[in-house]
C-alpha atoms as a PDB file:
ATOM      1  CA  THR A   1     -12.206  -5.852   7.243  1.00  0.00           C
ATOM      2  CA  TYR A   2      -9.104  -7.635   5.929  1.00  0.00           C
ATOM      3  CA  VAL A   3      -8.936  -7.701   2.028  1.00  0.00           C
ATOM      4  CA  SER A   4      -6.422 -10.150   0.336  1.00  0.00           C
ATOM      5  CA  LYS A   5      -4.210  -8.605  -2.073  1.00  0.00           C
ATOM      6  CA  GLY A   6      -6.004 -10.456  -4.916  1.00  0.00           C
ATOM      7  CA  ASN A   7      -9.486  -9.168  -3.907  1.00  0.00           C
ATOM      8  CA  LEU A   8      -8.213  -5.354  -3.599  1.00  0.00           C
ATOM      9  CA  ARG A   9     -10.895  -2.825  -4.488  1.00  0.00           C
ATOM     10  CA  SER A  10     -10.681   0.775  -5.115  1.00  0.00           C
ATOM     11  CA  GLY A  11     -10.933   2.782  -2.006  1.00  0.00           C
ATOM     12  CA  ASP A  12      -9.268  -0.132   0.121  1.00  0.00           C
ATOM     13  CA  LEU A  13      -6.194   1.068   2.708  1.00  0.00           C
ATOM     14  CA  VAL A  14      -3.042  -0.978   1.702  1.00  0.00           C
ATOM     15  CA  PHE A  15      -0.160  -0.730   4.572  1.00  0.00           C
ATOM     16  CA  PHE A  16       3.262  -1.238   4.317  1.00  0.00           C
ATOM     17  CA  ASP A  17       6.605  -1.439   6.532  1.00  0.00           C
ATOM     18  CA  THR A  18       8.991   0.615   4.900  1.00  0.00           C
ATOM     19  CA  VAL A  19      11.430   0.546   7.442  1.00  0.00           C
ATOM     20  CA  GLY A  20      13.065  -2.306   5.798  1.00  0.00           C
ATOM     21  CA  SER A  21      12.635  -5.265   8.198  1.00  0.00           C
ATOM     22  CA  ASN A  22       8.933  -6.229   6.812  1.00  0.00           C
ATOM     23  CA  ASN A  23       8.097  -7.570  10.460  1.00  0.00           C
ATOM     24  CA  GLY A  24       4.584  -6.744   9.797  1.00  0.00           C
ATOM     25  CA  ASN A  25       4.696  -3.317  11.502  1.00  0.00           C
ATOM     26  CA  VAL A  26       3.076  -0.442   9.736  1.00  0.00           C
ATOM     27  CA  SER A  27       5.079   2.689   8.885  1.00  0.00           C
ATOM     28  CA  HIS A  28       3.277   3.651   5.484  1.00  0.00           C
ATOM     29  CA  ALA A  29      -0.224   3.647   3.705  1.00  0.00           C
ATOM     30  CA  GLY A  30      -2.104   4.434   0.576  1.00  0.00           C
ATOM     31  CA  ILE A  31      -5.054   4.187  -0.983  1.00  0.00           C
ATOM     32  CA  TYR A  32      -5.675   1.548  -3.820  1.00  0.00           C
ATOM     33  CA  ILE A  33      -7.122   2.874  -6.693  1.00  0.00           C
ATOM     34  CA  GLY A  34      -7.581  -0.054  -9.290  1.00  0.00           C
ATOM     35  CA  ASN A  35      -5.485  -1.672 -11.931  1.00  0.00           C
ATOM     36  CA  GLY A  36      -2.413  -2.351  -9.898  1.00  0.00           C
ATOM     37  CA  GLN A  37      -1.720   1.232  -8.578  1.00  0.00           C
ATOM     38  CA  PHE A  38      -2.536   3.087  -5.218  1.00  0.00           C
ATOM     39  CA  ILE A  39      -1.769   6.604  -4.199  1.00  0.00           C
ATOM     40  CA  HIS A  40       0.413   7.626  -1.357  1.00  0.00           C
ATOM     41  CA  ALA A  41       2.113  10.713   0.220  1.00  0.00           C
ATOM     42  CA  ALA A  42       5.674  10.012  -0.512  1.00  0.00           C
ATOM     43  CA  SER A  43       7.732  11.536   2.164  1.00  0.00           C
ATOM     44  CA  GLY A  44      11.065  11.159   0.044  1.00  0.00           C
ATOM     45  CA  GLN A  45       9.336  13.218  -2.760  1.00  0.00           C
ATOM     46  CA  GLY A  46       7.340  15.430  -0.714  1.00  0.00           C
ATOM     47  CA  LYS A  47       4.235  15.054  -2.645  1.00  0.00           C
ATOM     48  CA  VAL A  48       1.221  12.932  -3.545  1.00  0.00           C
ATOM     49  CA  VAL A  49       1.876  10.185  -6.006  1.00  0.00           C
ATOM     50  CA  ILE A  50       0.664   7.086  -7.499  1.00  0.00           C
ATOM     51  CA  ASN A  51       2.837   4.004  -7.519  1.00  0.00           C
ATOM     52  CA  ASN A  52       2.169   0.194  -8.764  1.00  0.00           C
ATOM     53  CA  LEU A  53       1.704  -1.947  -6.101  1.00  0.00           C
ATOM     54  CA  ASN A  54       3.185  -4.516  -8.127  1.00  0.00           C
ATOM     55  CA  SER A  55       6.773  -2.804  -8.109  1.00  0.00           C
ATOM     56  CA  THR A  56       9.352  -4.531  -6.572  1.00  0.00           C
ATOM     57  CA  TYR A  57      10.004  -2.242  -3.516  1.00  0.00           C
ATOM     58  CA  TYR A  58       6.418  -2.112  -2.680  1.00  0.00           C
ATOM     59  CA  VAL A  59       5.824  -5.820  -3.096  1.00  0.00           C
ATOM     60  CA  ASN A  60       8.969  -6.645  -0.662  1.00  0.00           C
ATOM     61  CA  ALA A  61       7.250  -3.874   1.926  1.00  0.00           C
ATOM     62  CA  TYR A  62       3.509  -5.061   1.602  1.00  0.00           C
ATOM     63  CA  VAL A  63       1.918  -5.981   5.100  1.00  0.00           C
ATOM     64  CA  ASN A  64      -1.843  -6.146   4.379  1.00  0.00           C
ATOM     65  CA  ALA A  65      -4.989  -4.284   3.257  1.00  0.00           C
ATOM     66  CA  ARG A  66      -8.204  -3.301   5.015  1.00  0.00           C
ATOM     67  CA  ARG A  67     -11.909  -1.933   3.670  1.00  0.00           C
ATOM     68  CA  VAL A  68     -13.679   0.263   5.502  1.00  0.00           C
ATOM     69  CA  LEU A  69     -17.249   0.262   5.236  1.00  0.00           C
END
């Protein structure tokens, strides 16, 4: 189910276009963990990390979110 950014709950999947064009294509995904944060495998860092969904980079790359029930 589609979830608006303002209604995210822990466990929701968040999707990003990290290629740079942000044309709606998804190139990266993470799991929302609450308090504006999500966990994901950062390819540039080679490990799983927690980032702020409201950081400039991820605000610009954000495509949408889904809830799987």
